[in-house]
Structures are given as structure tokens and as C-alpha cells.
Amino acid sequence: MTESLLVAAITPPHLIHETVTSMVNIGHPPEPFQLPTPFDRSANIFPEFPSQIVATESEYCGKTCEFDYQHTRFFERGNCEICRCDEECFLYDDCCPDYFILRNQTSVAAPYSCENTSPDIEKTDSSWYYMIRSCTVTSSPGLVQECLDRHSKDWEHQVPVEDAKTGHFYRNKFCALCNNVIVFNNWETQLICKSYPSSLKEARSSEEIYNSALEDSSCYIKFLPSDPTSLRKCTYREESVISSCNVTGKWVFYDQRVVEACERFSHIVHGKYRNVFCYVQQQLRLAVHP
């Protein structure tokens, strides 16, 4: 008797070219096979590893700044975050891979992170912008904790602020304070309700309005900057981005090139992975170890 053993059915399709199916006799091990790697195509075109990284990444995400790669696309473009081709991208850590890698740049800890503008992201499609969510090394541990707190629903932790002098944006007032900013303006609190709660009649401040709406399931809240055009947009990402390979120890294959590419640059994929190489490694693992 034979049975069909589905070894790998991987997305994206250009990274794994086809489903690998092996006919296995009951009681006998499957015949050995070799999984394709993400670099199978680009390595035959570009001798330099940095160019191989950029070419493979562009097959999935599409956009490059200056890199010329005319290979025909046979697959749907992946869910990749916006990337840019300006000098500020080094500050925000959102450079397109060729702009970063082919200039021999090294990754540094960016002070900005991608933040949403609503505590109710489950209820509404809130906007996402880069804001400062970090502190100086001399900040007190308590203030750092308040700045980095992602779970508190308190108004002071949720409402973004703008430095009145420089125009820099901070995730909350604690992030401003731990960067020695003491004069700042809160973003406007916008409230949208299907039916407005009676407690709103007694609200006298943005914080009181916020607290009333937070307790009412028919309402959702958004924070609005004074000038959205001065902000740099980003797209949804999870709190903890996967930025390394083999996080579970269940690798299907080991390819040092994938490890190096995963750790080399940031271009968030599916809101969860640092780049497509961190993503494809996890997909290979999941296909064989669901």
C-alpha cells in the first residue's frame, strides 16, 4: 500500500518553485529529495551576494530604488511594508533593500517605531505613523517603562504628542519626557459613536471624553495630528517582529545565506517578519511541521 506524503507546500511560490510530493511505502523511509532555496534563480544571474539578496527580495516585494532586475514575474506580489529611497530612510529604518544593502550601510537602532493612532485597532482601520518610542540612556527605569508600555489603555499612555519646539512626534508623553521634552502638545482625540453615551454630557476634557468612549462598545477612538502631512506613514506590524531564523529549532534545511539575509536589513513582511528571508524560513518550517 502506498500513501502520498505532502512534504512542502510553500508560499510565496517563487521561493519554493513547486509542491514536493513523495510516494512512500508504508514502513519504509521516503526517498531523499533536495528542497529549492530562495537564491536558486538570483545566484545564476548575479555573482555578488548583496545583489542576490536584493534580486530575490525584489521578486517578492517588487520595489527597488536603483537596482535593475528585469526578470519576468510569475507570482503575486507579497505583503510588504512601504520602503523608501531617501536619506531619511536610514533614520526611520525603512529604506528599500538596494538603497541600504548596495551602499554598504550597517543597521543601527532607529529611534522611531511604527505606531497606530487608535487604541481600538480592532474596531477601525487606524492610520500608522513613525513616532519616537525610545528613551535616552540616562532616563530613569520607571520613565522608560511608562514610555514602552504597550498594554495600558490609559489616555496618557495612548495619546501621541508633538514637541512644540522641534515638531518631533512621540508615542506618548512619557516618551517625550524621557527625551527631555517638557513642552509638547497632545494630539486631538476624535470620538465616533453609533449612539453617544450619556457620560459624554459631563465630560470636560479630552481625557474624560476618552475614558467615556473607552467603556462603550459602540464607540471607537482615533487620535489626530495637527498636520498629518508632516508625519511619515508606515503599515501595520505586530508588537514583536521575527528577526532571526530557526526560532523554534525545527529547521527543514539550513542555508547560511538565508540566515545572513534575514539579519541584514529590515523590510517588514506580513506585519510580522523583519524581511522576506526571515519569513520564508518560517514558512518552510511550518509546511513540514504544522
C-alpha atoms as a PDB file:
ATOM      1  CA  MET A   1       0.000   0.000   0.000  1.00  0.00           C
ATOM      2  CA  THR A   2       1.232   3.500  -0.717  1.00  0.00           C
ATOM      3  CA  GLU A   3       0.248   6.901   0.525  1.00  0.00           C
ATOM      4  CA  SER A   4       1.034  10.398  -0.628  1.00  0.00           C
ATOM      5  CA  LEU A   5       3.222  12.410   1.738  1.00  0.00           C
ATOM      6  CA  LEU A   6       2.950  16.160   1.212  1.00  0.00           C
ATOM      7  CA  VAL A   7       6.407  17.379   2.131  1.00  0.00           C
ATOM      8  CA  ALA A   8       6.161  21.063   1.357  1.00  0.00           C
ATOM      9  CA  ALA A   9       3.568  23.419   0.001  1.00  0.00           C
ATOM     10  CA  ILE A  10       5.154  26.787   0.417  1.00  0.00           C
ATOM     11  CA  THR A  11       4.195  30.359  -0.302  1.00  0.00           C
ATOM     12  CA  PRO A  12       5.486  32.542  -1.858  1.00  0.00           C
ATOM     13  CA  PRO A  13       5.644  30.338  -4.981  1.00  0.00           C
ATOM     14  CA  HIS A  14       8.816  31.850  -6.477  1.00  0.00           C
ATOM     15  CA  LEU A  15      10.762  30.940  -3.367  1.00  0.00           C
ATOM     16  CA  ILE A  16       9.631  27.338  -3.450  1.00  0.00           C
ATOM     17  CA  HIS A  17       9.016  26.517  -7.073  1.00  0.00           C
ATOM     18  CA  GLU A  18       6.596  23.628  -6.677  1.00  0.00           C
ATOM     19  CA  THR A  19       4.939  21.314  -4.201  1.00  0.00           C
ATOM     20  CA  VAL A  20       7.221  18.393  -3.460  1.00  0.00           C
ATOM     21  CA  THR A  21       5.312  15.133  -3.300  1.00  0.00           C
ATOM     22  CA  SER A  22       6.890  11.789  -2.448  1.00  0.00           C
ATOM     23  CA  MET A  23       5.277   8.382  -2.720  1.00  0.00           C
ATOM     24  CA  VAL A  24       6.154   6.488   0.416  1.00  0.00           C
ATOM     25  CA  ASN A  25       5.823   2.794   1.038  1.00  0.00           C
ATOM     26  CA  ILE A  26       4.366   2.067   4.451  1.00  0.00           C
ATOM     27  CA  GLY A  27       7.180   1.060   6.776  1.00  0.00           C
ATOM     28  CA  HIS A  28       9.914   2.464   4.510  1.00  0.00           C
ATOM     29  CA  PRO A  29      11.610   5.891   4.657  1.00  0.00           C
ATOM     30  CA  PRO A  30      10.823   8.398   1.897  1.00  0.00           C
ATOM     31  CA  GLU A  31      13.249   8.820  -0.949  1.00  0.00           C
ATOM     32  CA  PRO A  32      15.673  11.704  -0.366  1.00  0.00           C
ATOM     33  CA  PHE A  33      14.981  14.988  -2.145  1.00  0.00           C
ATOM     34  CA  GLN A  34      16.528  18.427  -2.182  1.00  0.00           C
ATOM     35  CA  LEU A  35      14.456  21.478  -1.352  1.00  0.00           C
ATOM     36  CA  PRO A  36      14.995  24.512  -3.591  1.00  0.00           C
ATOM     37  CA  THR A  37      16.393  27.614  -1.888  1.00  0.00           C
ATOM     38  CA  PRO A  38      15.382  31.275  -2.221  1.00  0.00           C
ATOM     39  CA  PHE A  39      18.603  32.010  -4.128  1.00  0.00           C
ATOM     40  CA  ASP A  40      18.272  29.384  -6.873  1.00  0.00           C
ATOM     41  CA  ARG A  41      17.397  31.949  -9.540  1.00  0.00           C
ATOM     42  CA  SER A  42      19.306  35.069  -8.496  1.00  0.00           C
ATOM     43  CA  ALA A  43      22.570  33.178  -7.860  1.00  0.00           C
ATOM     44  CA  ASN A  44      22.633  32.168 -11.514  1.00  0.00           C
ATOM     45  CA  ILE A  45      22.417  35.811 -12.597  1.00  0.00           C
ATOM     46  CA  PHE A  46      24.425  37.791 -10.033  1.00  0.00           C
ATOM     47  CA  PRO A  47      27.821  36.656  -8.714  1.00  0.00           C
ATOM     48  CA  GLU A  48      27.786  39.054  -5.732  1.00  0.00           C
ATOM     49  CA  PHE A  49      25.806  38.011  -2.666  1.00  0.00           C
ATOM     50  CA  PRO A  50      24.411  41.523  -1.930  1.00  0.00           C
ATOM     51  CA  SER A  51      22.918  41.637  -5.434  1.00  0.00           C
ATOM     52  CA  GLN A  52      21.457  38.168  -4.920  1.00  0.00           C
ATOM     53  CA  ILE A  53      19.729  39.385  -1.750  1.00  0.00           C
ATOM     54  CA  VAL A  54      18.258  42.442  -3.481  1.00  0.00           C
ATOM     55  CA  ALA A  55      17.163  40.474  -6.555  1.00  0.00           C
ATOM     56  CA  THR A  56      15.444  37.744  -4.544  1.00  0.00           C
ATOM     57  CA  GLU A  57      13.766  40.276  -2.269  1.00  0.00           C
ATOM     58  CA  SER A  58      12.539  42.340  -5.213  1.00  0.00           C
ATOM     59  CA  GLU A  59      10.950  39.243  -6.754  1.00  0.00           C
ATOM     60  CA  TYR A  60       8.655  39.107  -3.738  1.00  0.00           C
ATOM     61  CA  CYS A  61       8.227  42.759  -2.721  1.00  0.00           C
ATOM     62  CA  GLY A  62       8.713  44.412  -6.089  1.00  0.00           C
ATOM     63  CA  LYS A  63      10.039  47.888  -5.378  1.00  0.00           C
ATOM     64  CA  THR A  64      13.685  48.878  -5.742  1.00  0.00           C
ATOM     65  CA  CYS A  65      15.321  52.305  -5.911  1.00  0.00           C
ATOM     66  CA  GLU A  66      18.067  51.884  -8.499  1.00  0.00           C
ATOM     67  CA  PHE A  67      18.642  48.156  -8.860  1.00  0.00           C
ATOM     68  CA  ASP A  68      17.916  46.909 -12.378  1.00  0.00           C
ATOM     69  CA  TYR A  69      16.433  43.423 -12.394  1.00  0.00           C
ATOM     70  CA  GLN A  70      14.191  42.642 -15.337  1.00  0.00           C
ATOM     71  CA  HIS A  71      13.260  39.058 -14.562  1.00  0.00           C
ATOM     72  CA  THR A  72       9.664  38.211 -15.510  1.00  0.00           C
ATOM     73  CA  ARG A  73       7.310  37.902 -12.568  1.00  0.00           C
ATOM     74  CA  PHE A  74       5.129  34.796 -12.404  1.00  0.00           C
ATOM     75  CA  PHE A  75       3.642  35.282  -8.948  1.00  0.00           C
ATOM     76  CA  GLU A  76       1.561  37.615  -6.865  1.00  0.00           C
ATOM     77  CA  ARG A  77       3.444  40.335  -5.051  1.00  0.00           C
ATOM     78  CA  GLY A  78       3.862  39.835  -1.329  1.00  0.00           C
ATOM     79  CA  ASN A  79       2.501  41.838   1.581  1.00  0.00           C
ATOM     80  CA  CYS A  80       5.500  44.091   2.175  1.00  0.00           C
ATOM     81  CA  GLU A  81       5.723  47.338   4.095  1.00  0.00           C
ATOM     82  CA  ILE A  82       6.370  50.647   2.338  1.00  0.00           C
ATOM     83  CA  CYS A  83      10.048  51.217   1.594  1.00  0.00           C
ATOM     84  CA  ARG A  84      11.705  54.470   0.557  1.00  0.00           C
ATOM     85  CA  CYS A  85      14.664  55.868  -1.329  1.00  0.00           C
ATOM     86  CA  ASP A  86      15.646  58.999   0.597  1.00  0.00           C
ATOM     87  CA  GLU A  87      18.299  59.912   3.123  1.00  0.00           C
ATOM     88  CA  GLU A  88      15.741  59.911   5.953  1.00  0.00           C
ATOM     89  CA  CYS A  89      15.115  56.196   5.465  1.00  0.00           C
ATOM     90  CA  PHE A  90      18.264  55.472   7.463  1.00  0.00           C
ATOM     91  CA  LEU A  91      16.704  57.325  10.398  1.00  0.00           C
ATOM     92  CA  TYR A  92      13.372  55.504  10.118  1.00  0.00           C
ATOM     93  CA  ASP A  93      14.851  52.141   9.101  1.00  0.00           C
ATOM     94  CA  ASP A  94      12.537  51.907   6.100  1.00  0.00           C
ATOM     95  CA  CYS A  95      14.991  52.016   3.182  1.00  0.00           C
ATOM     96  CA  CYS A  96      14.352  49.834   0.165  1.00  0.00           C
ATOM     97  CA  PRO A  97      16.875  46.965   0.340  1.00  0.00           C
ATOM     98  CA  ASP A  98      19.013  48.050  -2.620  1.00  0.00           C
ATOM     99  CA  TYR A  99      19.270  51.597  -1.236  1.00  0.00           C
ATOM    100  CA  PHE A 100      20.547  50.133   2.028  1.00  0.00           C
ATOM    101  CA  ILE A 101      22.492  46.989   1.100  1.00  0.00           C
ATOM    102  CA  LEU A 102      24.239  48.124  -2.073  1.00  0.00           C
ATOM    103  CA  ARG A 103      25.501  51.240  -0.278  1.00  0.00           C
ATOM    104  CA  ASN A 104      27.200  49.018   2.318  1.00  0.00           C
ATOM    105  CA  GLN A 105      25.175  50.522   5.146  1.00  0.00           C
ATOM    106  CA  THR A 106      25.047  48.829   8.535  1.00  0.00           C
ATOM    107  CA  SER A 107      21.846  48.575  10.501  1.00  0.00           C
ATOM    108  CA  VAL A 108      21.556  50.784  13.585  1.00  0.00           C
ATOM    109  CA  ALA A 109      18.879  51.034  16.224  1.00  0.00           C
ATOM    110  CA  ALA A 110      16.368  53.547  14.887  1.00  0.00           C
ATOM    111  CA  PRO A 111      14.680  55.832  17.455  1.00  0.00           C
ATOM    112  CA  TYR A 112      11.387  55.593  15.551  1.00  0.00           C
ATOM    113  CA  SER A 113       8.866  52.772  15.578  1.00  0.00           C
ATOM    114  CA  CYS A 114       5.677  52.219  13.599  1.00  0.00           C
ATOM    115  CA  GLU A 115       2.698  53.114  15.798  1.00  0.00           C
ATOM    116  CA  ASN A 116      -1.061  53.151  15.303  1.00  0.00           C
ATOM    117  CA  THR A 117      -3.277  56.133  16.019  1.00  0.00           C
ATOM    118  CA  SER A 118      -6.098  54.384  17.837  1.00  0.00           C
ATOM    119  CA  PRO A 119      -6.443  52.210  20.939  1.00  0.00           C
ATOM    120  CA  ASP A 120      -9.279  50.453  19.065  1.00  0.00           C
ATOM    121  CA  ILE A 121      -7.425  48.923  16.125  1.00  0.00           C
ATOM    122  CA  GLU A 122      -9.868  46.003  16.225  1.00  0.00           C
ATOM    123  CA  LYS A 123     -12.796  48.363  15.554  1.00  0.00           C
ATOM    124  CA  THR A 124     -11.376  50.656  12.904  1.00  0.00           C
ATOM    125  CA  ASP A 125      -8.695  50.965  10.248  1.00  0.00           C
ATOM    126  CA  SER A 126      -6.476  53.396  12.078  1.00  0.00           C
ATOM    127  CA  SER A 127      -3.526  55.121  10.452  1.00  0.00           C
ATOM    128  CA  TRP A 128       0.041  54.092  11.238  1.00  0.00           C
ATOM    129  CA  TYR A 129       2.925  56.550  11.532  1.00  0.00           C
ATOM    130  CA  TYR A 130       6.527  56.573  12.679  1.00  0.00           C
ATOM    131  CA  MET A 131       6.925  58.035  16.167  1.00  0.00           C
ATOM    132  CA  ILE A 132       9.703  58.065  18.720  1.00  0.00           C
ATOM    133  CA  ARG A 133       9.207  55.290  21.246  1.00  0.00           C
ATOM    134  CA  SER A 134      12.584  55.149  22.950  1.00  0.00           C
ATOM    135  CA  CYS A 135      14.424  56.955  25.730  1.00  0.00           C
ATOM    136  CA  THR A 136      17.863  58.376  26.354  1.00  0.00           C
ATOM    137  CA  VAL A 137      20.329  56.134  28.184  1.00  0.00           C
ATOM    138  CA  THR A 138      20.181  58.424  31.222  1.00  0.00           C
ATOM    139  CA  SER A 139      16.399  58.113  31.652  1.00  0.00           C
ATOM    140  CA  SER A 140      15.039  56.604  34.841  1.00  0.00           C
ATOM    141  CA  PRO A 141      13.867  52.964  34.562  1.00  0.00           C
ATOM    142  CA  GLY A 142      10.364  53.956  35.646  1.00  0.00           C
ATOM    143  CA  LEU A 143      10.023  56.547  32.886  1.00  0.00           C
ATOM    144  CA  VAL A 144      11.374  54.114  30.299  1.00  0.00           C
ATOM    145  CA  GLN A 145       8.781  51.560  31.374  1.00  0.00           C
ATOM    146  CA  GLU A 146       5.980  54.106  31.025  1.00  0.00           C
ATOM    147  CA  CYS A 147       7.170  55.046  27.535  1.00  0.00           C
ATOM    148  CA  LEU A 148       7.424  51.454  26.328  1.00  0.00           C
ATOM    149  CA  ASP A 149       4.171  50.238  27.894  1.00  0.00           C
ATOM    150  CA  ARG A 150       2.049  48.874  25.031  1.00  0.00           C
ATOM    151  CA  HIS A 151      -0.737  47.407  27.141  1.00  0.00           C
ATOM    152  CA  SER A 152      -2.071  50.276  29.220  1.00  0.00           C
ATOM    153  CA  LYS A 153      -5.279  51.824  27.894  1.00  0.00           C
ATOM    154  CA  ASP A 154      -4.847  54.968  29.980  1.00  0.00           C
ATOM    155  CA  TRP A 155      -5.206  58.156  27.971  1.00  0.00           C
ATOM    156  CA  GLU A 156      -1.728  59.391  28.931  1.00  0.00           C
ATOM    157  CA  HIS A 157      -0.161  56.206  27.543  1.00  0.00           C
ATOM    158  CA  GLN A 158      -2.263  56.217  24.373  1.00  0.00           C
ATOM    159  CA  VAL A 159      -2.377  59.791  23.088  1.00  0.00           C
ATOM    160  CA  PRO A 160       0.641  60.759  20.921  1.00  0.00           C
ATOM    161  CA  VAL A 161       2.309  64.127  21.493  1.00  0.00           C
ATOM    162  CA  GLU A 162       4.235  66.634  19.387  1.00  0.00           C
ATOM    163  CA  ASP A 163       7.281  68.555  20.551  1.00  0.00           C
ATOM    164  CA  ALA A 164       6.175  72.193  20.498  1.00  0.00           C
ATOM    165  CA  LYS A 165       9.674  73.321  19.553  1.00  0.00           C
ATOM    166  CA  THR A 166      11.034  70.766  17.067  1.00  0.00           C
ATOM    167  CA  GLY A 167       7.826  69.189  15.753  1.00  0.00           C
ATOM    168  CA  HIS A 168       9.077  65.678  16.533  1.00  0.00           C
ATOM    169  CA  PHE A 169       6.391  63.127  17.353  1.00  0.00           C
ATOM    170  CA  TYR A 170       6.424  60.852  20.401  1.00  0.00           C
ATOM    171  CA  ARG A 171       4.246  57.848  21.122  1.00  0.00           C
ATOM    172  CA  ASN A 172       3.100  59.336  24.420  1.00  0.00           C
ATOM    173  CA  LYS A 173       4.069  61.998  26.897  1.00  0.00           C
ATOM    174  CA  PHE A 174       6.388  59.650  28.772  1.00  0.00           C
ATOM    175  CA  CYS A 175       8.470  59.107  25.639  1.00  0.00           C
ATOM    176  CA  ALA A 176       8.706  62.891  25.288  1.00  0.00           C
ATOM    177  CA  LEU A 177       9.695  63.363  28.915  1.00  0.00           C
ATOM    178  CA  CYS A 178      12.406  60.709  28.784  1.00  0.00           C
ATOM    179  CA  ASN A 179      13.900  62.600  25.834  1.00  0.00           C
ATOM    180  CA  ASN A 180      13.982  65.804  27.884  1.00  0.00           C
ATOM    181  CA  VAL A 181      10.994  67.330  26.074  1.00  0.00           C
ATOM    182  CA  ILE A 182       8.839  69.173  28.567  1.00  0.00           C
ATOM    183  CA  VAL A 183       6.717  71.362  26.273  1.00  0.00           C
ATOM    184  CA  PHE A 184       4.522  69.326  23.970  1.00  0.00           C
ATOM    185  CA  ASN A 185       1.027  69.239  22.515  1.00  0.00           C
ATOM    186  CA  ASN A 186      -1.352  66.290  22.701  1.00  0.00           C
ATOM    187  CA  TRP A 187      -2.936  65.069  19.504  1.00  0.00           C
ATOM    188  CA  GLU A 188      -6.651  65.726  19.119  1.00  0.00           C
ATOM    189  CA  THR A 189      -8.910  62.978  20.464  1.00  0.00           C
ATOM    190  CA  GLN A 190     -11.615  62.073  17.939  1.00  0.00           C
ATOM    191  CA  LEU A 191     -14.655  60.112  19.028  1.00  0.00           C
ATOM    192  CA  ILE A 192     -17.084  58.300  16.720  1.00  0.00           C
ATOM    193  CA  CYS A 193     -20.101  56.508  18.212  1.00  0.00           C
ATOM    194  CA  LYS A 194     -23.194  54.804  16.881  1.00  0.00           C
ATOM    195  CA  SER A 195     -25.021  56.217  19.886  1.00  0.00           C
ATOM    196  CA  TYR A 196     -23.282  58.617  22.197  1.00  0.00           C
ATOM    197  CA  PRO A 197     -23.064  57.551  25.857  1.00  0.00           C
ATOM    198  CA  SER A 198     -24.759  59.761  28.429  1.00  0.00           C
ATOM    199  CA  SER A 199     -21.487  60.144  30.335  1.00  0.00           C
ATOM    200  CA  LEU A 200     -20.181  62.340  27.498  1.00  0.00           C
ATOM    201  CA  LYS A 201     -22.507  65.136  28.598  1.00  0.00           C
ATOM    202  CA  GLU A 202     -20.456  65.557  31.760  1.00  0.00           C
ATOM    203  CA  ALA A 203     -17.031  65.193  30.123  1.00  0.00           C
ATOM    204  CA  ARG A 204     -14.948  68.341  30.417  1.00  0.00           C
ATOM    205  CA  SER A 205     -11.621  67.290  28.908  1.00  0.00           C
ATOM    206  CA  SER A 206     -10.170  65.075  26.177  1.00  0.00           C
ATOM    207  CA  GLU A 207      -9.179  62.573  28.825  1.00  0.00           C
ATOM    208  CA  GLU A 208     -12.717  62.372  30.224  1.00  0.00           C
ATOM    209  CA  ILE A 209     -14.145  62.009  26.707  1.00  0.00           C
ATOM    210  CA  TYR A 210     -11.634  59.253  26.022  1.00  0.00           C
ATOM    211  CA  ASN A 211     -12.493  57.365  29.207  1.00  0.00           C
ATOM    212  CA  SER A 212     -16.228  57.568  28.483  1.00  0.00           C
ATOM    213  CA  ALA A 213     -15.809  56.223  24.962  1.00  0.00           C
ATOM    214  CA  LEU A 214     -13.400  53.500  26.027  1.00  0.00           C
ATOM    215  CA  GLU A 215     -16.102  51.921  28.167  1.00  0.00           C
ATOM    216  CA  ASP A 216     -18.711  51.980  25.386  1.00  0.00           C
ATOM    217  CA  SER A 217     -18.534  49.262  22.716  1.00  0.00           C
ATOM    218  CA  SER A 218     -20.479  51.415  20.242  1.00  0.00           C
ATOM    219  CA  CYS A 219     -17.661  53.982  20.133  1.00  0.00           C
ATOM    220  CA  TYR A 220     -14.188  54.000  18.719  1.00  0.00           C
ATOM    221  CA  ILE A 221     -11.406  56.485  19.247  1.00  0.00           C
ATOM    222  CA  LYS A 222      -8.787  57.957  16.961  1.00  0.00           C
ATOM    223  CA  PHE A 223      -6.006  60.434  17.649  1.00  0.00           C
ATOM    224  CA  LEU A 224      -5.428  63.121  15.025  1.00  0.00           C
ATOM    225  CA  PRO A 225      -2.196  65.102  14.497  1.00  0.00           C
ATOM    226  CA  SER A 226      -2.361  68.799  13.741  1.00  0.00           C
ATOM    227  CA  ASP A 227      -0.659  68.231  10.378  1.00  0.00           C
ATOM    228  CA  PRO A 228      -0.692  64.646   9.024  1.00  0.00           C
ATOM    229  CA  THR A 229       1.498  65.636   6.063  1.00  0.00           C
ATOM    230  CA  SER A 230       4.453  66.165   8.400  1.00  0.00           C
ATOM    231  CA  LEU A 231       4.310  62.523   9.514  1.00  0.00           C
ATOM    232  CA  ARG A 232       5.914  59.541   7.828  1.00  0.00           C
ATOM    233  CA  LYS A 233       3.435  56.736   7.140  1.00  0.00           C
ATOM    234  CA  CYS A 234       4.028  53.068   7.786  1.00  0.00           C
ATOM    235  CA  THR A 235       1.818  49.973   7.779  1.00  0.00           C
ATOM    236  CA  TYR A 236       0.543  47.570  10.405  1.00  0.00           C
ATOM    237  CA  ARG A 237       3.089  45.421  12.192  1.00  0.00           C
ATOM    238  CA  GLU A 238       2.875  43.191  15.232  1.00  0.00           C
ATOM    239  CA  GLU A 239       4.494  44.179  18.507  1.00  0.00           C
ATOM    240  CA  SER A 240       7.182  41.519  18.264  1.00  0.00           C
ATOM    241  CA  VAL A 241       8.716  41.197  14.789  1.00  0.00           C
ATOM    242  CA  ILE A 242      10.544  37.944  13.979  1.00  0.00           C
ATOM    243  CA  SER A 243      14.075  38.995  13.059  1.00  0.00           C
ATOM    244  CA  SER A 244      16.048  35.759  13.213  1.00  0.00           C
ATOM    245  CA  CYS A 245      15.933  32.253  11.804  1.00  0.00           C
ATOM    246  CA  ASN A 246      15.168  28.937  13.474  1.00  0.00           C
ATOM    247  CA  VAL A 247      13.362  30.475  16.434  1.00  0.00           C
ATOM    248  CA  THR A 248      11.745  27.105  17.181  1.00  0.00           C
ATOM    249  CA  GLY A 249      14.657  24.789  16.372  1.00  0.00           C
ATOM    250  CA  LYS A 250      12.674  22.909  13.687  1.00  0.00           C
ATOM    251  CA  TRP A 251      14.541  23.856  10.553  1.00  0.00           C
ATOM    252  CA  VAL A 252      13.755  21.858   7.431  1.00  0.00           C
ATOM    253  CA  PHE A 253      17.044  22.924   5.868  1.00  0.00           C
ATOM    254  CA  TYR A 254      19.998  25.097   6.797  1.00  0.00           C
ATOM    255  CA  ASP A 255      21.235  27.765   4.423  1.00  0.00           C
ATOM    256  CA  GLN A 256      23.741  30.242   5.794  1.00  0.00           C
ATOM    257  CA  ARG A 257      22.785  32.698   3.055  1.00  0.00           C
ATOM    258  CA  VAL A 258      19.204  32.834   4.340  1.00  0.00           C
ATOM    259  CA  VAL A 259      20.472  33.461   7.885  1.00  0.00           C
ATOM    260  CA  GLU A 260      22.713  36.314   6.747  1.00  0.00           C
ATOM    261  CA  ALA A 261      19.986  37.868   4.594  1.00  0.00           C
ATOM    262  CA  CYS A 262      17.413  37.627   7.392  1.00  0.00           C
ATOM    263  CA  GLU A 263      19.710  39.504   9.767  1.00  0.00           C
ATOM    264  CA  ARG A 264      21.000  42.045   7.267  1.00  0.00           C
ATOM    265  CA  PHE A 265      18.183  44.522   6.660  1.00  0.00           C
ATOM    266  CA  SER A 266      14.651  45.489   7.617  1.00  0.00           C
ATOM    267  CA  HIS A 267      11.684  45.465   5.213  1.00  0.00           C
ATOM    268  CA  ILE A 268       8.716  44.154   7.174  1.00  0.00           C
ATOM    269  CA  VAL A 269       6.697  41.358   5.548  1.00  0.00           C
ATOM    270  CA  HIS A 270       3.140  40.397   6.577  1.00  0.00           C
ATOM    271  CA  GLY A 271       3.436  42.753   9.552  1.00  0.00           C
ATOM    272  CA  LYS A 272       5.372  40.090  11.431  1.00  0.00           C
ATOM    273  CA  TYR A 273       8.732  39.278   9.829  1.00  0.00           C
ATOM    274  CA  ARG A 274      11.767  41.535   9.541  1.00  0.00           C
ATOM    275  CA  ASN A 275      12.149  40.681   5.854  1.00  0.00           C
ATOM    276  CA  VAL A 276      11.208  38.041   3.298  1.00  0.00           C
ATOM    277  CA  PHE A 277      14.123  35.782   4.252  1.00  0.00           C
ATOM    278  CA  CYS A 278      13.004  35.603   7.877  1.00  0.00           C
ATOM    279  CA  TYR A 279       9.523  34.898   6.501  1.00  0.00           C
ATOM    280  CA  VAL A 280      10.394  32.151   4.031  1.00  0.00           C
ATOM    281  CA  GLN A 281      12.429  30.260   6.616  1.00  0.00           C
ATOM    282  CA  GLN A 282       9.402  30.127   8.898  1.00  0.00           C
ATOM    283  CA  GLN A 283       7.141  29.053   6.029  1.00  0.00           C
ATOM    284  CA  LEU A 284       9.450  26.195   5.136  1.00  0.00           C
ATOM    285  CA  ARG A 285       9.378  25.045   8.740  1.00  0.00           C
ATOM    286  CA  LEU A 286       5.605  25.343   9.041  1.00  0.00           C
ATOM    287  CA  ALA A 287       4.974  23.367   5.873  1.00  0.00           C
ATOM    288  CA  VAL A 288       6.653  20.294   7.277  1.00  0.00           C
ATOM    289  CA  HIS A 289       5.912  20.922  10.965  1.00  0.00           C
ATOM    290  CA  PRO A 290       2.385  22.388  11.035  1.00  0.00           C
END
